[in-house]
């Protein structure tokens, strides 16, 4: 049985803490978004579009948010049905339409964004800026490593 190095043990602790944090953030997101008739998943899709400041395709939204295309596709369908998103043709790819926020979608996103600003300010109040900056850097580095794929000396171990 393989043994973890000290860094491997710490990375495992980070991963497990990230899983728990993700669950707690999704639950908090559901609470924050409920008044706007949204869920955390719907807010994530609207957020990807708001941050991009332009229409995106479903695969682009999925990549930016670390979600599956299938889940984004389903969420987009519900948001279109609710009048918060609209689909527009994509000249470069007929089957992958652009997804854009409607005025109602922008208003819903902005309402949640205002609530999230107050919530996150209170959440971060007891944290040190340096610790937050370090955490952001570490998580961004882990994301890059995961996106690039992990290589092992014994490649057959991963097949």
C-alpha atoms as a PDB file:
ATOM      1  CA  UNK A   1       0.000   0.000   0.000  1.00  0.00           C
ATOM      2  CA  UNK A   2       1.353   3.421  -0.966  1.00  0.00           C
ATOM      3  CA  UNK A   3       2.289   5.794   1.826  1.00  0.00           C
ATOM      4  CA  UNK A   4       1.675   9.523   1.673  1.00  0.00           C
ATOM      5  CA  UNK A   5       4.553  11.931   2.059  1.00  0.00           C
ATOM      6  CA  UNK A   6       4.091  14.745   4.560  1.00  0.00           C
ATOM      7  CA  UNK A   7       3.121  17.054   1.678  1.00  0.00           C
ATOM      8  CA  UNK A   8       0.741  14.373   0.395  1.00  0.00           C
ATOM      9  CA  UNK A   9      -0.875  14.098   3.835  1.00  0.00           C
ATOM     10  CA  UNK A  10      -1.302  17.871   4.046  1.00  0.00           C
ATOM     11  CA  UNK A  11      -2.661  18.013   0.494  1.00  0.00           C
ATOM     12  CA  UNK A  12      -5.171  15.299   1.427  1.00  0.00           C
ATOM     13  CA  UNK A  13      -6.270  17.364   4.430  1.00  0.00           C
ATOM     14  CA  UNK A  14      -6.659  20.368   2.128  1.00  0.00           C
ATOM     15  CA  UNK A  15      -8.727  18.322  -0.340  1.00  0.00           C
ATOM     16  CA  UNK A  16     -11.015  16.982   2.391  1.00  0.00           C
ATOM     17  CA  UNK A  17     -11.427  20.484   3.842  1.00  0.00           C
ATOM     18  CA  UNK A  18     -12.196  21.786   0.351  1.00  0.00           C
ATOM     19  CA  UNK A  19     -14.905  19.144  -0.127  1.00  0.00           C
ATOM     20  CA  UNK A  20     -16.508  20.153   3.178  1.00  0.00           C
ATOM     21  CA  UNK A  21     -16.143  23.862   2.398  1.00  0.00           C
ATOM     22  CA  UNK A  22     -17.724  23.339  -1.019  1.00  0.00           C
ATOM     23  CA  UNK A  23     -20.741  21.650   0.552  1.00  0.00           C
ATOM     24  CA  UNK A  24     -21.114  24.422   3.106  1.00  0.00           C
ATOM     25  CA  UNK A  25     -20.727  27.097   0.413  1.00  0.00           C
ATOM     26  CA  UNK A  26     -23.405  25.473  -1.736  1.00  0.00           C
ATOM     27  CA  UNK A  27     -25.779  25.383   1.251  1.00  0.00           C
ATOM     28  CA  UNK A  28     -25.011  29.035   2.029  1.00  0.00           C
ATOM     29  CA  UNK A  29     -25.468  29.858  -1.660  1.00  0.00           C
ATOM     30  CA  UNK A  30     -28.901  28.249  -1.623  1.00  0.00           C
ATOM     31  CA  UNK A  31     -29.830  30.425   1.371  1.00  0.00           C
ATOM     32  CA  UNK A  32     -28.442  33.596  -0.208  1.00  0.00           C
ATOM     33  CA  UNK A  33     -30.230  33.006  -3.498  1.00  0.00           C
ATOM     34  CA  UNK A  34     -33.613  31.793  -2.246  1.00  0.00           C
ATOM     35  CA  UNK A  35     -35.122  35.294  -1.991  1.00  0.00           C
ATOM     36  CA  UNK A  36     -34.329  35.818  -5.696  1.00  0.00           C
ATOM     37  CA  UNK A  37     -35.925  32.476  -6.613  1.00  0.00           C
ATOM     38  CA  UNK A  38     -32.554  30.938  -7.459  1.00  0.00           C
ATOM     39  CA  UNK A  39     -30.347  28.105  -6.262  1.00  0.00           C
ATOM     40  CA  UNK A  40     -26.580  28.044  -5.836  1.00  0.00           C
ATOM     41  CA  UNK A  41     -26.285  26.146  -9.142  1.00  0.00           C
ATOM     42  CA  UNK A  42     -28.320  28.745 -11.015  1.00  0.00           C
ATOM     43  CA  UNK A  43     -26.351  31.535  -9.359  1.00  0.00           C
ATOM     44  CA  UNK A  44     -23.084  29.920 -10.511  1.00  0.00           C
ATOM     45  CA  UNK A  45     -24.235  29.962 -14.123  1.00  0.00           C
ATOM     46  CA  UNK A  46     -25.435  33.567 -13.886  1.00  0.00           C
ATOM     47  CA  UNK A  47     -22.155  34.438 -12.147  1.00  0.00           C
ATOM     48  CA  UNK A  48     -20.054  32.962 -14.944  1.00  0.00           C
ATOM     49  CA  UNK A  49     -21.883  35.177 -17.418  1.00  0.00           C
ATOM     50  CA  UNK A  50     -21.706  38.255 -15.181  1.00  0.00           C
ATOM     51  CA  UNK A  51     -17.964  37.823 -14.631  1.00  0.00           C
ATOM     52  CA  UNK A  52     -17.318  37.226 -18.340  1.00  0.00           C
ATOM     53  CA  UNK A  53     -19.327  40.334 -19.245  1.00  0.00           C
ATOM     54  CA  UNK A  54     -20.303  38.636 -22.512  1.00  0.00           C
ATOM     55  CA  UNK A  55     -22.310  35.658 -23.713  1.00  0.00           C
ATOM     56  CA  UNK A  56     -20.656  32.240 -23.342  1.00  0.00           C
ATOM     57  CA  UNK A  57     -21.372  28.740 -24.578  1.00  0.00           C
ATOM     58  CA  UNK A  58     -22.381  25.967 -22.193  1.00  0.00           C
ATOM     59  CA  UNK A  59     -18.900  24.347 -22.391  1.00  0.00           C
ATOM     60  CA  UNK A  60     -17.267  27.709 -21.613  1.00  0.00           C
ATOM     61  CA  UNK A  61     -19.496  28.203 -18.560  1.00  0.00           C
ATOM     62  CA  UNK A  62     -18.753  24.652 -17.402  1.00  0.00           C
ATOM     63  CA  UNK A  63     -14.975  25.130 -17.716  1.00  0.00           C
ATOM     64  CA  UNK A  64     -14.996  28.478 -15.903  1.00  0.00           C
ATOM     65  CA  UNK A  65     -17.028  27.124 -12.994  1.00  0.00           C
ATOM     66  CA  UNK A  66     -15.558  23.613 -12.795  1.00  0.00           C
ATOM     67  CA  UNK A  67     -18.925  22.029 -13.561  1.00  0.00           C
ATOM     68  CA  UNK A  68     -19.994  19.333 -16.006  1.00  0.00           C
ATOM     69  CA  UNK A  69     -21.448  20.392 -19.335  1.00  0.00           C
ATOM     70  CA  UNK A  70     -24.480  18.231 -18.640  1.00  0.00           C
ATOM     71  CA  UNK A  71     -25.304  20.004 -15.372  1.00  0.00           C
ATOM     72  CA  UNK A  72     -24.741  23.434 -16.928  1.00  0.00           C
ATOM     73  CA  UNK A  73     -26.901  22.477 -19.912  1.00  0.00           C
ATOM     74  CA  UNK A  74     -29.758  21.441 -17.590  1.00  0.00           C
ATOM     75  CA  UNK A  75     -29.391  24.585 -15.464  1.00  0.00           C
ATOM     76  CA  UNK A  76     -29.304  26.811 -18.542  1.00  0.00           C
ATOM     77  CA  UNK A  77     -32.500  25.151 -19.774  1.00  0.00           C
ATOM     78  CA  UNK A  78     -34.264  25.934 -16.499  1.00  0.00           C
ATOM     79  CA  UNK A  79     -32.971  29.524 -16.491  1.00  0.00           C
ATOM     80  CA  UNK A  80     -34.127  30.015 -20.085  1.00  0.00           C
ATOM     81  CA  UNK A  81     -37.535  28.652 -19.060  1.00  0.00           C
ATOM     82  CA  UNK A  82     -37.637  31.151 -16.195  1.00  0.00           C
ATOM     83  CA  UNK A  83     -36.784  34.026 -18.543  1.00  0.00           C
ATOM     84  CA  UNK A  84     -33.422  34.744 -16.896  1.00  0.00           C
ATOM     85  CA  UNK A  85     -31.275  33.585 -19.815  1.00  0.00           C
ATOM     86  CA  UNK A  86     -31.625  33.546 -23.579  1.00  0.00           C
ATOM     87  CA  UNK A  87     -29.885  31.536 -26.276  1.00  0.00           C
ATOM     88  CA  UNK A  88     -28.458  33.180 -29.379  1.00  0.00           C
ATOM     89  CA  UNK A  89     -26.880  31.666 -32.486  1.00  0.00           C
ATOM     90  CA  UNK A  90     -23.154  30.999 -32.560  1.00  0.00           C
ATOM     91  CA  UNK A  91     -21.756  31.487 -36.076  1.00  0.00           C
ATOM     92  CA  UNK A  92     -18.661  29.423 -35.193  1.00  0.00           C
ATOM     93  CA  UNK A  93     -20.575  26.405 -33.901  1.00  0.00           C
ATOM     94  CA  UNK A  94     -24.196  25.789 -34.873  1.00  0.00           C
ATOM     95  CA  UNK A  95     -24.876  23.263 -32.095  1.00  0.00           C
ATOM     96  CA  UNK A  96     -23.295  25.308 -29.276  1.00  0.00           C
ATOM     97  CA  UNK A  97     -25.383  28.439 -28.905  1.00  0.00           C
ATOM     98  CA  UNK A  98     -24.362  31.460 -26.899  1.00  0.00           C
ATOM     99  CA  UNK A  99     -25.994  31.899 -23.510  1.00  0.00           C
ATOM    100  CA  UNK A 100     -26.732  35.461 -22.397  1.00  0.00           C
ATOM    101  CA  UNK A 101     -28.481  37.012 -19.423  1.00  0.00           C
ATOM    102  CA  UNK A 102     -31.788  38.747 -19.986  1.00  0.00           C
ATOM    103  CA  UNK A 103     -32.611  41.953 -18.113  1.00  0.00           C
ATOM    104  CA  UNK A 104     -34.483  39.832 -15.555  1.00  0.00           C
ATOM    105  CA  UNK A 105     -31.408  37.606 -15.203  1.00  0.00           C
ATOM    106  CA  UNK A 106     -29.164  40.614 -14.634  1.00  0.00           C
ATOM    107  CA  UNK A 107     -31.546  41.961 -12.003  1.00  0.00           C
ATOM    108  CA  UNK A 108     -31.715  38.602 -10.206  1.00  0.00           C
ATOM    109  CA  UNK A 109     -27.933  38.281 -10.272  1.00  0.00           C
ATOM    110  CA  UNK A 110     -27.435  41.821  -8.960  1.00  0.00           C
ATOM    111  CA  UNK A 111     -29.914  41.232  -6.122  1.00  0.00           C
ATOM    112  CA  UNK A 112     -28.001  38.134  -5.017  1.00  0.00           C
ATOM    113  CA  UNK A 113     -24.662  39.897  -5.514  1.00  0.00           C
ATOM    114  CA  UNK A 114     -25.705  42.628  -3.070  1.00  0.00           C
ATOM    115  CA  UNK A 115     -26.698  40.030  -0.477  1.00  0.00           C
ATOM    116  CA  UNK A 116     -23.481  38.085  -1.066  1.00  0.00           C
ATOM    117  CA  UNK A 117     -21.352  41.221  -0.581  1.00  0.00           C
ATOM    118  CA  UNK A 118     -22.743  41.801   2.904  1.00  0.00           C
ATOM    119  CA  UNK A 119     -22.511  38.088   3.747  1.00  0.00           C
ATOM    120  CA  UNK A 120     -18.929  37.645   2.530  1.00  0.00           C
ATOM    121  CA  UNK A 121     -17.752  40.820   4.279  1.00  0.00           C
ATOM    122  CA  UNK A 122     -19.037  39.419   7.561  1.00  0.00           C
ATOM    123  CA  UNK A 123     -17.580  35.972   6.816  1.00  0.00           C
ATOM    124  CA  UNK A 124     -14.146  37.403   6.026  1.00  0.00           C
ATOM    125  CA  UNK A 125     -14.129  39.791   8.973  1.00  0.00           C
ATOM    126  CA  UNK A 126     -12.204  37.408  11.227  1.00  0.00           C
ATOM    127  CA  UNK A 127      -9.702  36.344   8.578  1.00  0.00           C
ATOM    128  CA  UNK A 128      -6.330  37.894   7.828  1.00  0.00           C
ATOM    129  CA  UNK A 129      -5.792  39.285   4.292  1.00  0.00           C
ATOM    130  CA  UNK A 130      -2.437  37.466   3.967  1.00  0.00           C
ATOM    131  CA  UNK A 131      -4.006  34.137   4.847  1.00  0.00           C
ATOM    132  CA  UNK A 132      -6.736  34.699   2.278  1.00  0.00           C
ATOM    133  CA  UNK A 133      -4.186  35.677  -0.386  1.00  0.00           C
ATOM    134  CA  UNK A 134      -2.113  32.564   0.333  1.00  0.00           C
ATOM    135  CA  UNK A 135      -5.190  30.348   0.233  1.00  0.00           C
ATOM    136  CA  UNK A 136      -6.237  31.813  -3.111  1.00  0.00           C
ATOM    137  CA  UNK A 137      -2.753  31.218  -4.556  1.00  0.00           C
ATOM    138  CA  UNK A 138      -2.636  27.619  -3.304  1.00  0.00           C
ATOM    139  CA  UNK A 139      -6.090  26.793  -4.657  1.00  0.00           C
ATOM    140  CA  UNK A 140      -5.299  28.419  -8.012  1.00  0.00           C
ATOM    141  CA  UNK A 141      -2.091  26.398  -8.227  1.00  0.00           C
ATOM    142  CA  UNK A 142      -3.947  23.193  -7.396  1.00  0.00           C
ATOM    143  CA  UNK A 143      -6.521  24.014 -10.092  1.00  0.00           C
ATOM    144  CA  UNK A 144      -3.763  24.500 -12.673  1.00  0.00           C
ATOM    145  CA  UNK A 145      -2.112  21.227 -11.664  1.00  0.00           C
ATOM    146  CA  UNK A 146      -5.414  19.369 -11.897  1.00  0.00           C
ATOM    147  CA  UNK A 147      -6.261  20.968 -15.243  1.00  0.00           C
ATOM    148  CA  UNK A 148      -2.871  19.965 -16.627  1.00  0.00           C
ATOM    149  CA  UNK A 149      -3.260  16.401 -15.361  1.00  0.00           C
ATOM    150  CA  UNK A 150      -1.099  14.615 -12.864  1.00  0.00           C
ATOM    151  CA  UNK A 151       1.862  12.621 -14.178  1.00  0.00           C
ATOM    152  CA  UNK A 152       3.300   9.770 -12.167  1.00  0.00           C
ATOM    153  CA  UNK A 153       6.576   7.903 -12.603  1.00  0.00           C
ATOM    154  CA  UNK A 154       4.535   4.705 -12.790  1.00  0.00           C
ATOM    155  CA  UNK A 155       2.039   5.884 -15.414  1.00  0.00           C
ATOM    156  CA  UNK A 156       0.379   2.478 -15.564  1.00  0.00           C
ATOM    157  CA  UNK A 157      -0.757   3.078 -11.983  1.00  0.00           C
ATOM    158  CA  UNK A 158      -3.217   5.721 -13.282  1.00  0.00           C
ATOM    159  CA  UNK A 159      -4.549   3.722 -16.244  1.00  0.00           C
END
